[in-house]
Amino acid sequence: MDSKKLLLLAIVLLLAYTGWQDWKHRPVDDPPPGVLAPDAPQQRPLTQPRQFRLDDYDIEAQARYKFVARLLSREPYYMGREADLSPVDFAIGWGPMSDSAVLKQLDISQSVRYFSLHWQRPPLPAEEIMRHAANTHIIPADSRVAGQLDKMRPGQVIELEGYLVNVAAPDGWRWHTSLTREDTGNGACELFWVEVARIINQ
């Protein structure tokens, strides 16, 4: 098979795989209006240092982290060293941002490791919207957790638990987590080493 046919076959297979992933991770039907995940994420200081190793990356825990939240959107990544660590981002919401009555008035999108919210008329003050949502870079602790994360679909209420982490590579490259839910923009995302992943509400 010549190189052009191989390239065409690769493109067809990639499109088929992407379509399958989109279908598998399609949003669930919206539940009735009402807050589904009332509590903010829980962040606790470490009682002792924790470090992990993934391929050539040194990973240092900064805080314990846990949330029960509504999965608003998910975005896979395949290219770059960030994708080596974190193959997917989860946009999550809690409090009013877990309420279908609020979410149906918002347009939520993700790209280039950010998430965006757009509206014609904000259902809540913009500051309140942003204080109850976060974009999270997910690092599965192992293949079992990765498999559980892969089953999660937008609209579900999920529980994730693990550590907020900073990452370092031998060549000096760094990737740091946010340690507050109050920030926005560059550096505002949580970098989350996930050890426990559960679907709470289908």
N, C-alpha and C. Protein backbone atom coordinates (compact mmCIF):
# COMPACT_ATOMS: atom_id res chain seq x y z
N MET A 1 0.85 -1.19 0.00
CA MET A 1 0.00 0.00 0.00
C MET A 1 0.88 1.24 0.00
N ASP A 2 0.60 2.18 -0.92
CA ASP A 2 1.46 3.35 -1.02
C ASP A 2 1.15 4.34 0.10
N SER A 3 2.01 5.36 0.21
CA SER A 3 1.93 6.28 1.35
C SER A 3 0.62 7.08 1.36
N LYS A 4 0.10 7.44 0.17
CA LYS A 4 -1.16 8.20 0.13
C LYS A 4 -2.33 7.38 0.65
N LYS A 5 -2.37 6.10 0.27
CA LYS A 5 -3.43 5.23 0.77
C LYS A 5 -3.31 5.00 2.26
N LEU A 6 -2.08 4.86 2.75
CA LEU A 6 -1.88 4.70 4.18
C LEU A 6 -2.34 5.94 4.94
N LEU A 7 -2.03 7.12 4.40
CA LEU A 7 -2.45 8.35 5.04
C LEU A 7 -3.96 8.46 5.06
N LEU A 8 -4.60 8.12 3.94
CA LEU A 8 -6.06 8.17 3.87
C LEU A 8 -6.69 7.20 4.86
N LEU A 9 -6.12 6.00 4.95
CA LEU A 9 -6.64 5.01 5.90
C LEU A 9 -6.50 5.51 7.33
N ALA A 10 -5.35 6.13 7.63
CA ALA A 10 -5.13 6.66 8.98
C ALA A 10 -6.15 7.75 9.31
N ILE A 11 -6.45 8.62 8.35
CA ILE A 11 -7.43 9.68 8.56
C ILE A 11 -8.81 9.09 8.80
N VAL A 12 -9.19 8.10 8.00
CA VAL A 12 -10.50 7.47 8.16
C VAL A 12 -10.62 6.81 9.54
N LEU A 13 -9.56 6.11 9.96
CA LEU A 13 -9.59 5.46 11.26
C LEU A 13 -9.66 6.48 12.39
N LEU A 14 -8.93 7.58 12.24
CA LEU A 14 -8.96 8.63 13.26
C LEU A 14 -10.34 9.25 13.37
N LEU A 15 -10.97 9.52 12.22
CA LEU A 15 -12.31 10.09 12.23
C LEU A 15 -13.32 9.13 12.85
N ALA A 16 -13.16 7.84 12.54
CA ALA A 16 -14.07 6.84 13.11
C ALA A 16 -13.89 6.76 14.62
N TYR A 17 -12.64 6.78 15.07
CA TYR A 17 -12.38 6.72 16.51
C TYR A 17 -12.92 7.96 17.22
N THR A 18 -12.72 9.13 16.62
CA THR A 18 -13.21 10.37 17.22
C THR A 18 -14.73 10.36 17.30
N GLY A 19 -15.38 9.88 16.23
CA GLY A 19 -16.84 9.79 16.25
C GLY A 19 -17.33 8.84 17.32
N TRP A 20 -16.65 7.71 17.49
CA TRP A 20 -17.02 6.76 18.53
C TRP A 20 -16.87 7.38 19.92
N GLN A 21 -15.77 8.09 20.13
CA GLN A 21 -15.56 8.74 21.41
C GLN A 21 -16.64 9.79 21.68
N ASP A 22 -17.00 10.58 20.67
CA ASP A 22 -18.05 11.58 20.84
C ASP A 22 -19.37 10.92 21.21
N TRP A 23 -19.69 9.81 20.55
CA TRP A 23 -20.95 9.13 20.85
C TRP A 23 -20.93 8.54 22.26
N LYS A 24 -19.81 7.91 22.62
CA LYS A 24 -19.70 7.27 23.94
C LYS A 24 -19.81 8.29 25.06
N HIS A 25 -19.32 9.49 24.83
CA HIS A 25 -19.31 10.52 25.86
C HIS A 25 -20.39 11.57 25.64
N ARG A 26 -21.45 11.20 24.91
CA ARG A 26 -22.55 12.14 24.67
C ARG A 26 -23.22 12.48 26.00
N PRO A 27 -23.76 13.69 26.13
CA PRO A 27 -24.41 14.08 27.40
C PRO A 27 -25.61 13.19 27.70
N VAL A 28 -25.84 12.99 28.99
CA VAL A 28 -27.05 12.30 29.43
C VAL A 28 -28.22 13.27 29.34
N ASP A 29 -29.43 12.73 29.39
CA ASP A 29 -30.61 13.59 29.39
C ASP A 29 -30.60 14.47 30.65
N ASP A 30 -31.00 15.73 30.47
CA ASP A 30 -31.02 16.65 31.61
C ASP A 30 -31.99 16.17 32.69
N PRO A 31 -31.55 16.14 33.94
CA PRO A 31 -32.48 15.85 35.02
C PRO A 31 -33.39 17.05 35.26
N PRO A 32 -34.43 16.90 36.07
CA PRO A 32 -35.31 18.03 36.38
C PRO A 32 -34.53 19.17 37.05
N PRO A 33 -35.07 20.39 37.03
CA PRO A 33 -34.39 21.51 37.68
C PRO A 33 -34.16 21.24 39.17
N GLY A 34 -33.08 21.82 39.68
CA GLY A 34 -32.72 21.66 41.08
C GLY A 34 -31.23 21.42 41.23
N VAL A 35 -30.68 21.87 42.33
CA VAL A 35 -29.25 21.70 42.60
C VAL A 35 -28.95 20.23 42.89
N LEU A 36 -28.03 19.65 42.13
CA LEU A 36 -27.68 18.23 42.27
C LEU A 36 -26.42 18.01 43.11
N ALA A 37 -25.55 19.00 43.14
CA ALA A 37 -24.29 18.88 43.87
C ALA A 37 -24.09 20.17 44.66
N PRO A 38 -24.61 20.24 45.88
CA PRO A 38 -24.65 21.51 46.60
C PRO A 38 -23.31 22.01 47.13
N ASP A 39 -22.37 21.10 47.38
CA ASP A 39 -21.17 21.48 48.13
C ASP A 39 -19.99 21.83 47.22
N ALA A 40 -19.21 22.81 47.64
CA ALA A 40 -17.99 23.18 46.93
C ALA A 40 -16.94 22.08 47.08
N PRO A 41 -15.98 21.98 46.15
CA PRO A 41 -14.89 21.01 46.31
C PRO A 41 -14.18 21.19 47.65
N GLN A 42 -13.71 20.07 48.19
CA GLN A 42 -13.00 20.07 49.48
C GLN A 42 -11.50 19.99 49.23
N GLN A 43 -10.78 20.96 49.77
CA GLN A 43 -9.32 20.99 49.66
C GLN A 43 -8.74 21.02 51.07
N ARG A 44 -7.82 20.09 51.35
CA ARG A 44 -7.24 20.00 52.68
C ARG A 44 -5.72 19.96 52.58
N PRO A 45 -5.02 20.59 53.53
CA PRO A 45 -3.56 20.54 53.52
C PRO A 45 -3.06 19.13 53.77
N LEU A 46 -1.84 18.87 53.33
CA LEU A 46 -1.25 17.55 53.50
C LEU A 46 -0.74 17.37 54.92
N THR A 47 -0.89 16.18 55.44
CA THR A 47 -0.31 15.85 56.74
C THR A 47 1.12 15.34 56.58
N GLN A 48 1.48 14.88 55.38
CA GLN A 48 2.84 14.46 55.08
C GLN A 48 3.06 14.58 53.57
N PRO A 49 4.30 14.76 53.14
CA PRO A 49 4.57 14.92 51.70
C PRO A 49 4.16 13.67 50.92
N ARG A 50 3.67 13.90 49.70
CA ARG A 50 3.33 12.80 48.80
C ARG A 50 3.91 13.10 47.43
N GLN A 51 4.61 12.13 46.87
CA GLN A 51 5.19 12.27 45.55
C GLN A 51 4.86 11.04 44.71
N PHE A 52 4.74 11.27 43.41
CA PHE A 52 4.42 10.20 42.47
C PHE A 52 5.36 10.31 41.28
N ARG A 53 5.42 9.24 40.53
CA ARG A 53 6.25 9.22 39.31
C ARG A 53 5.40 8.66 38.18
N LEU A 54 5.38 9.37 37.06
CA LEU A 54 4.67 8.90 35.88
C LEU A 54 5.59 9.11 34.68
N ASP A 55 6.05 8.01 34.11
CA ASP A 55 7.06 8.06 33.04
C ASP A 55 8.26 8.88 33.54
N ASP A 56 8.61 9.97 32.83
CA ASP A 56 9.76 10.79 33.25
C ASP A 56 9.36 11.97 34.13
N TYR A 57 8.11 12.04 34.52
CA TYR A 57 7.63 13.20 35.25
C TYR A 57 7.61 12.96 36.75
N ASP A 58 8.10 13.93 37.51
CA ASP A 58 7.99 13.94 38.96
C ASP A 58 6.74 14.73 39.34
N ILE A 59 5.90 14.13 40.16
CA ILE A 59 4.62 14.72 40.53
C ILE A 59 4.60 14.89 42.04
N GLU A 60 4.38 16.13 42.49
CA GLU A 60 4.39 16.44 43.91
C GLU A 60 3.03 16.95 44.35
N ALA A 61 2.43 16.26 45.31
CA ALA A 61 1.12 16.66 45.81
C ALA A 61 1.22 17.98 46.56
N GLN A 62 0.19 18.82 46.36
CA GLN A 62 0.11 20.11 47.04
C GLN A 62 -1.01 20.16 48.07
N ALA A 63 -2.05 19.36 47.87
CA ALA A 63 -3.20 19.35 48.78
C ALA A 63 -4.05 18.13 48.46
N ARG A 64 -4.75 17.63 49.48
CA ARG A 64 -5.81 16.65 49.23
C ARG A 64 -6.97 17.36 48.55
N TYR A 65 -7.66 16.65 47.66
CA TYR A 65 -8.73 17.30 46.91
C TYR A 65 -9.81 16.28 46.62
N LYS A 66 -11.07 16.72 46.77
CA LYS A 66 -12.21 15.85 46.53
C LYS A 66 -13.39 16.71 46.13
N PHE A 67 -14.19 16.21 45.20
CA PHE A 67 -15.44 16.90 44.90
C PHE A 67 -16.52 15.92 44.49
N VAL A 68 -17.74 16.32 44.75
CA VAL A 68 -18.93 15.75 44.13
C VAL A 68 -19.54 16.89 43.32
N ALA A 69 -19.58 16.74 42.01
CA ALA A 69 -19.98 17.84 41.14
C ALA A 69 -20.65 17.29 39.89
N ARG A 70 -21.31 18.16 39.19
CA ARG A 70 -21.91 17.78 37.91
C ARG A 70 -20.86 17.96 36.81
N LEU A 71 -20.71 16.95 35.98
CA LEU A 71 -19.81 17.04 34.85
C LEU A 71 -20.49 17.84 33.76
N LEU A 72 -19.98 19.03 33.49
CA LEU A 72 -20.58 19.93 32.52
C LEU A 72 -20.12 19.62 31.09
N SER A 73 -18.85 19.26 30.97
CA SER A 73 -18.27 19.01 29.65
C SER A 73 -16.97 18.25 29.85
N ARG A 74 -16.55 17.52 28.83
CA ARG A 74 -15.26 16.86 28.86
C ARG A 74 -14.58 17.03 27.51
N GLU A 75 -13.27 17.15 27.53
CA GLU A 75 -12.52 17.37 26.28
C GLU A 75 -11.25 16.52 26.31
N PRO A 76 -11.09 15.61 25.33
CA PRO A 76 -9.88 14.79 25.28
C PRO A 76 -8.73 15.56 24.62
N TYR A 77 -7.51 15.15 24.95
CA TYR A 77 -6.31 15.71 24.33
C TYR A 77 -5.37 14.57 23.98
N TYR A 78 -4.77 14.67 22.80
CA TYR A 78 -3.94 13.59 22.28
C TYR A 78 -2.51 14.03 21.98
N MET A 79 -2.26 15.33 21.88
CA MET A 79 -0.95 15.83 21.44
C MET A 79 -0.31 16.65 22.55
N GLY A 80 1.02 16.59 22.61
CA GLY A 80 1.76 17.42 23.55
C GLY A 80 2.06 16.69 24.84
N ARG A 81 3.00 17.23 25.59
CA ARG A 81 3.42 16.57 26.81
C ARG A 81 2.34 16.66 27.89
N GLU A 82 1.50 17.69 27.84
CA GLU A 82 0.38 17.74 28.78
C GLU A 82 -0.54 16.53 28.62
N ALA A 83 -0.75 16.12 27.35
CA ALA A 83 -1.60 14.96 27.09
C ALA A 83 -0.96 13.65 27.57
N ASP A 84 0.38 13.62 27.66
CA ASP A 84 1.04 12.45 28.24
C ASP A 84 0.57 12.22 29.67
N LEU A 85 0.35 13.31 30.37
CA LEU A 85 -0.05 13.24 31.77
C LEU A 85 -1.57 13.24 31.92
N SER A 86 -2.20 14.17 31.26
CA SER A 86 -3.63 14.42 31.44
C SER A 86 -4.34 14.29 30.09
N PRO A 87 -4.93 13.13 29.82
CA PRO A 87 -5.56 12.91 28.51
C PRO A 87 -6.94 13.53 28.37
N VAL A 88 -7.47 14.12 29.45
CA VAL A 88 -8.82 14.68 29.38
C VAL A 88 -8.96 15.80 30.40
N ASP A 89 -9.73 16.81 30.05
CA ASP A 89 -10.15 17.86 30.98
C ASP A 89 -11.62 17.69 31.30
N PHE A 90 -11.96 17.89 32.55
CA PHE A 90 -13.37 17.91 32.98
C PHE A 90 -13.73 19.33 33.39
N ALA A 91 -14.79 19.86 32.81
CA ALA A 91 -15.40 21.08 33.32
C ALA A 91 -16.51 20.65 34.28
N ILE A 92 -16.45 21.14 35.50
CA ILE A 92 -17.39 20.70 36.53
C ILE A 92 -18.14 21.90 37.11
N GLY A 93 -19.33 21.63 37.67
CA GLY A 93 -20.11 22.67 38.32
C GLY A 93 -20.73 22.15 39.60
N TRP A 94 -20.89 23.02 40.57
CA TRP A 94 -21.53 22.68 41.83
C TRP A 94 -22.45 23.83 42.24
N GLY A 95 -23.25 23.60 43.29
CA GLY A 95 -24.20 24.63 43.68
C GLY A 95 -25.10 24.99 42.50
N PRO A 96 -25.32 26.27 42.23
CA PRO A 96 -26.21 26.65 41.13
C PRO A 96 -25.74 26.15 39.77
N MET A 97 -24.44 25.88 39.63
CA MET A 97 -23.93 25.38 38.35
C MET A 97 -24.09 23.87 38.20
N SER A 98 -24.87 23.26 39.10
CA SER A 98 -25.29 21.87 38.90
C SER A 98 -26.78 21.78 38.64
N ASP A 99 -27.43 22.92 38.46
CA ASP A 99 -28.88 23.02 38.29
C ASP A 99 -29.22 23.12 36.81
N SER A 100 -30.04 22.20 36.31
CA SER A 100 -30.41 22.21 34.89
C SER A 100 -31.07 23.52 34.47
N ALA A 101 -31.81 24.13 35.39
CA ALA A 101 -32.49 25.39 35.06
C ALA A 101 -31.49 26.49 34.75
N VAL A 102 -30.33 26.47 35.38
CA VAL A 102 -29.27 27.43 35.10
C VAL A 102 -28.50 27.03 33.85
N LEU A 103 -28.12 25.75 33.78
CA LEU A 103 -27.23 25.29 32.72
C LEU A 103 -27.86 25.38 31.34
N LYS A 104 -29.18 25.24 31.23
CA LYS A 104 -29.82 25.31 29.92
C LYS A 104 -29.74 26.71 29.32
N GLN A 105 -29.37 27.71 30.11
CA GLN A 105 -29.24 29.07 29.62
C GLN A 105 -27.79 29.43 29.27
N LEU A 106 -26.90 28.45 29.37
CA LEU A 106 -25.47 28.68 29.13
C LEU A 106 -24.97 27.82 27.98
N ASP A 107 -24.00 28.33 27.28
CA ASP A 107 -23.29 27.57 26.26
C ASP A 107 -21.89 27.29 26.81
N ILE A 108 -21.56 26.02 26.98
CA ILE A 108 -20.30 25.60 27.60
C ILE A 108 -19.43 24.94 26.54
N SER A 109 -18.17 25.36 26.45
CA SER A 109 -17.25 24.76 25.49
C SER A 109 -15.86 24.65 26.11
N GLN A 110 -15.06 23.74 25.55
CA GLN A 110 -13.68 23.54 26.00
C GLN A 110 -12.76 23.47 24.80
N SER A 111 -11.57 24.04 24.95
CA SER A 111 -10.52 23.90 23.93
C SER A 111 -9.21 24.42 24.52
N VAL A 112 -8.12 23.94 23.99
CA VAL A 112 -6.75 24.34 24.37
C VAL A 112 -6.59 24.48 25.89
N ARG A 113 -7.16 23.52 26.62
CA ARG A 113 -7.02 23.41 28.07
C ARG A 113 -7.75 24.50 28.85
N TYR A 114 -8.70 25.16 28.22
CA TYR A 114 -9.57 26.12 28.90
C TYR A 114 -11.02 25.71 28.68
N PHE A 115 -11.91 26.27 29.52
CA PHE A 115 -13.32 26.15 29.20
C PHE A 115 -13.95 27.53 29.21
N SER A 116 -15.00 27.68 28.41
CA SER A 116 -15.65 28.97 28.22
C SER A 116 -17.14 28.83 28.48
N LEU A 117 -17.72 29.90 28.99
CA LEU A 117 -19.15 29.99 29.23
C LEU A 117 -19.68 31.23 28.51
N HIS A 118 -20.77 31.03 27.77
CA HIS A 118 -21.39 32.14 27.04
C HIS A 118 -22.89 32.13 27.31
N TRP A 119 -23.48 33.30 27.24
CA TRP A 119 -24.91 33.43 27.50
C TRP A 119 -25.45 34.67 26.80
N GLN A 120 -26.76 34.67 26.54
CA GLN A 120 -27.42 35.87 26.06
C GLN A 120 -27.78 36.77 27.24
N ARG A 121 -28.44 36.16 28.23
CA ARG A 121 -28.69 36.84 29.49
C ARG A 121 -28.18 35.93 30.60
N PRO A 122 -27.29 36.40 31.45
CA PRO A 122 -26.77 35.50 32.49
C PRO A 122 -27.88 35.10 33.46
N PRO A 123 -28.04 33.82 33.72
CA PRO A 123 -29.06 33.37 34.68
C PRO A 123 -28.70 33.73 36.11
N LEU A 124 -27.43 34.03 36.35
CA LEU A 124 -26.92 34.44 37.65
C LEU A 124 -25.87 35.53 37.40
N PRO A 125 -25.47 36.29 38.41
CA PRO A 125 -24.33 37.18 38.23
C PRO A 125 -23.11 36.41 37.73
N ALA A 126 -22.37 37.01 36.81
CA ALA A 126 -21.23 36.31 36.20
C ALA A 126 -20.24 35.82 37.25
N GLU A 127 -20.01 36.61 38.30
CA GLU A 127 -19.06 36.20 39.34
C GLU A 127 -19.53 34.93 40.04
N GLU A 128 -20.83 34.83 40.26
CA GLU A 128 -21.35 33.64 40.93
C GLU A 128 -21.23 32.41 40.02
N ILE A 129 -21.47 32.60 38.73
CA ILE A 129 -21.30 31.50 37.78
C ILE A 129 -19.88 30.96 37.84
N MET A 130 -18.89 31.87 37.76
CA MET A 130 -17.51 31.43 37.71
C MET A 130 -17.02 30.86 39.05
N ARG A 131 -17.60 31.29 40.16
CA ARG A 131 -17.20 30.75 41.47
C ARG A 131 -17.72 29.35 41.70
N HIS A 132 -18.64 28.90 40.86
CA HIS A 132 -19.23 27.58 41.04
C HIS A 132 -18.92 26.63 39.87
N ALA A 133 -17.84 26.90 39.18
CA ALA A 133 -17.43 26.05 38.07
C ALA A 133 -15.91 26.06 37.97
N ALA A 134 -15.35 25.00 37.41
CA ALA A 134 -13.90 24.90 37.27
C ALA A 134 -13.55 23.99 36.12
N ASN A 135 -12.44 24.29 35.48
CA ASN A 135 -11.86 23.38 34.48
C ASN A 135 -10.72 22.63 35.14
N THR A 136 -10.74 21.31 35.01
CA THR A 136 -9.83 20.45 35.77
C THR A 136 -9.05 19.54 34.83
N HIS A 137 -7.72 19.61 34.90
CA HIS A 137 -6.86 18.70 34.14
C HIS A 137 -6.76 17.38 34.92
N ILE A 138 -7.22 16.32 34.32
CA ILE A 138 -7.33 15.03 35.01
C ILE A 138 -6.11 14.15 34.71
N ILE A 139 -5.43 13.70 35.77
CA ILE A 139 -4.34 12.73 35.65
C ILE A 139 -4.79 11.44 36.34
N PRO A 140 -5.15 10.41 35.59
CA PRO A 140 -5.55 9.14 36.25
C PRO A 140 -4.36 8.51 36.96
N ALA A 141 -4.59 8.05 38.18
CA ALA A 141 -3.50 7.44 38.95
C ALA A 141 -3.09 6.08 38.38
N ASP A 142 -4.03 5.38 37.73
CA ASP A 142 -3.72 4.07 37.16
C ASP A 142 -4.76 3.73 36.10
N SER A 143 -4.61 2.57 35.47
CA SER A 143 -5.49 2.20 34.36
C SER A 143 -6.92 1.94 34.84
N ARG A 144 -7.08 1.46 36.08
CA ARG A 144 -8.43 1.23 36.61
C ARG A 144 -9.18 2.55 36.73
N VAL A 145 -8.53 3.55 37.28
CA VAL A 145 -9.16 4.87 37.39
C VAL A 145 -9.43 5.45 36.01
N ALA A 146 -8.48 5.27 35.08
CA ALA A 146 -8.68 5.77 33.73
C ALA A 146 -9.93 5.16 33.11
N GLY A 147 -10.15 3.87 33.34
CA GLY A 147 -11.34 3.22 32.81
C GLY A 147 -12.62 3.77 33.41
N GLN A 148 -12.60 4.07 34.71
CA GLN A 148 -13.78 4.65 35.35
C GLN A 148 -14.05 6.06 34.83
N LEU A 149 -13.01 6.84 34.64
CA LEU A 149 -13.16 8.19 34.11
C LEU A 149 -13.73 8.16 32.69
N ASP A 150 -13.34 7.15 31.93
CA ASP A 150 -13.78 7.06 30.54
C ASP A 150 -15.27 6.78 30.43
N LYS A 151 -15.90 6.28 31.49
CA LYS A 151 -17.33 6.00 31.48
C LYS A 151 -18.18 7.23 31.78
N MET A 152 -17.55 8.31 32.21
CA MET A 152 -18.30 9.47 32.69
C MET A 152 -18.75 10.36 31.55
N ARG A 153 -20.03 10.79 31.63
CA ARG A 153 -20.64 11.58 30.56
C ARG A 153 -21.16 12.90 31.11
N PRO A 154 -21.09 13.96 30.29
CA PRO A 154 -21.64 15.24 30.73
C PRO A 154 -23.09 15.11 31.18
N GLY A 155 -23.40 15.78 32.27
CA GLY A 155 -24.73 15.71 32.87
C GLY A 155 -24.77 14.84 34.11
N GLN A 156 -23.82 13.90 34.23
CA GLN A 156 -23.78 13.05 35.41
C GLN A 156 -23.20 13.80 36.61
N VAL A 157 -23.60 13.36 37.79
CA VAL A 157 -22.96 13.81 39.02
C VAL A 157 -21.87 12.79 39.36
N ILE A 158 -20.65 13.28 39.54
CA ILE A 158 -19.51 12.40 39.72
C ILE A 158 -18.76 12.77 41.01
N GLU A 159 -18.03 11.80 41.53
CA GLU A 159 -17.17 12.03 42.68
C GLU A 159 -15.74 11.65 42.30
N LEU A 160 -14.81 12.58 42.48
CA LEU A 160 -13.40 12.32 42.25
C LEU A 160 -12.62 12.70 43.50
N GLU A 161 -11.59 11.91 43.79
CA GLU A 161 -10.79 12.15 44.99
C GLU A 161 -9.32 11.85 44.69
N GLY A 162 -8.44 12.67 45.23
CA GLY A 162 -7.01 12.47 45.04
C GLY A 162 -6.23 13.66 45.55
N TYR A 163 -5.33 14.18 44.69
CA TYR A 163 -4.44 15.27 45.10
C TYR A 163 -4.34 16.32 44.00
N LEU A 164 -4.28 17.57 44.40
CA LEU A 164 -3.83 18.62 43.51
C LEU A 164 -2.31 18.57 43.46
N VAL A 165 -1.73 18.66 42.26
CA VAL A 165 -0.30 18.38 42.11
C VAL A 165 0.39 19.42 41.24
N ASN A 166 1.71 19.50 41.44
CA ASN A 166 2.61 20.16 40.52
C ASN A 166 3.46 19.10 39.83
N VAL A 167 3.82 19.36 38.57
CA VAL A 167 4.57 18.39 37.78
C VAL A 167 5.87 19.03 37.29
N ALA A 168 6.95 18.24 37.31
CA ALA A 168 8.24 18.70 36.81
C ALA A 168 8.85 17.63 35.91
N ALA A 169 9.51 18.08 34.84
CA ALA A 169 10.22 17.19 33.92
C ALA A 169 11.72 17.45 34.02
N PRO A 170 12.55 16.48 33.63
CA PRO A 170 14.00 16.65 33.76
C PRO A 170 14.57 17.84 33.00
N ASP A 171 13.92 18.27 31.92
CA ASP A 171 14.43 19.39 31.13
C ASP A 171 14.01 20.75 31.67
N GLY A 172 13.35 20.77 32.83
CA GLY A 172 12.95 22.03 33.44
C GLY A 172 11.51 22.43 33.19
N TRP A 173 10.78 21.67 32.37
CA TRP A 173 9.37 21.98 32.12
C TRP A 173 8.56 21.78 33.40
N ARG A 174 7.61 22.70 33.63
CA ARG A 174 6.78 22.65 34.83
C ARG A 174 5.31 22.83 34.46
N TRP A 175 4.46 22.22 35.29
CA TRP A 175 3.00 22.40 35.17
C TRP A 175 2.46 22.45 36.58
N HIS A 176 1.84 23.59 36.95
CA HIS A 176 1.40 23.81 38.32
C HIS A 176 -0.12 23.87 38.41
N THR A 177 -0.63 23.41 39.55
CA THR A 177 -2.05 23.46 39.81
C THR A 177 -2.47 24.79 40.42
N SER A 178 -3.71 25.15 40.22
CA SER A 178 -4.33 26.20 41.03
C SER A 178 -4.68 25.61 42.39
N LEU A 179 -4.66 26.46 43.41
CA LEU A 179 -5.03 26.04 44.75
C LEU A 179 -6.20 26.85 45.30
N THR A 180 -6.97 27.46 44.40
CA THR A 180 -8.15 28.20 44.81
C THR A 180 -9.21 28.08 43.73
N ARG A 181 -10.47 28.15 44.12
CA ARG A 181 -11.57 28.13 43.16
C ARG A 181 -11.99 29.54 42.75
N GLU A 182 -11.29 30.53 43.25
CA GLU A 182 -11.68 31.92 43.02
C GLU A 182 -11.00 32.54 41.81
N ASP A 183 -9.99 31.89 41.23
CA ASP A 183 -9.23 32.49 40.15
C ASP A 183 -9.83 32.16 38.79
N THR A 184 -9.45 32.92 37.78
CA THR A 184 -9.86 32.69 36.39
C THR A 184 -8.67 32.95 35.48
N GLY A 185 -8.77 32.49 34.24
CA GLY A 185 -7.72 32.79 33.26
C GLY A 185 -6.55 31.83 33.36
N ASN A 186 -5.39 32.25 32.83
CA ASN A 186 -4.21 31.41 32.76
C ASN A 186 -3.76 30.99 34.16
N GLY A 187 -3.54 29.69 34.33
CA GLY A 187 -3.10 29.17 35.62
C GLY A 187 -4.20 28.90 36.61
N ALA A 188 -5.47 29.07 36.19
CA ALA A 188 -6.58 28.92 37.12
C ALA A 188 -7.12 27.50 37.20
N CYS A 189 -6.61 26.58 36.39
CA CYS A 189 -7.16 25.23 36.36
C CYS A 189 -6.49 24.36 37.43
N GLU A 190 -7.27 23.40 37.92
CA GLU A 190 -6.75 22.42 38.86
C GLU A 190 -6.06 21.28 38.10
N LEU A 191 -4.90 20.89 38.56
CA LEU A 191 -4.18 19.74 38.02
C LEU A 191 -4.35 18.62 39.04
N PHE A 192 -5.15 17.62 38.67
CA PHE A 192 -5.75 16.70 39.64
C PHE A 192 -5.30 15.27 39.39
N TRP A 193 -4.49 14.76 40.32
CA TRP A 193 -4.11 13.34 40.34
C TRP A 193 -5.27 12.57 40.98
N VAL A 194 -5.99 11.78 40.19
CA VAL A 194 -7.23 11.16 40.63
C VAL A 194 -6.98 9.71 41.02
N GLU A 195 -7.34 9.37 42.26
CA GLU A 195 -7.19 8.01 42.76
C GLU A 195 -8.53 7.30 42.93
N VAL A 196 -9.61 8.05 43.05
CA VAL A 196 -10.96 7.49 43.21
C VAL A 196 -11.88 8.20 42.25
N ALA A 197 -12.67 7.44 41.49
CA ALA A 197 -13.61 8.03 40.53
C ALA A 197 -14.91 7.22 40.55
N ARG A 198 -16.01 7.91 40.83
CA ARG A 198 -17.32 7.24 40.91
C ARG A 198 -18.37 8.07 40.21
N ILE A 199 -19.33 7.41 39.60
CA ILE A 199 -20.53 8.06 39.09
C ILE A 199 -21.57 7.98 40.20
N ILE A 200 -22.06 9.13 40.64
CA ILE A 200 -23.02 9.20 41.73
C ILE A 200 -24.46 9.16 41.22
N ASN A 201 -24.70 9.88 40.14
CA ASN A 201 -26.06 10.03 39.61
C ASN A 201 -25.98 9.91 38.11
N GLN A 202 -26.66 8.90 37.56
CA GLN A 202 -26.67 8.68 36.11
C GLN A 202 -27.47 9.76 35.40
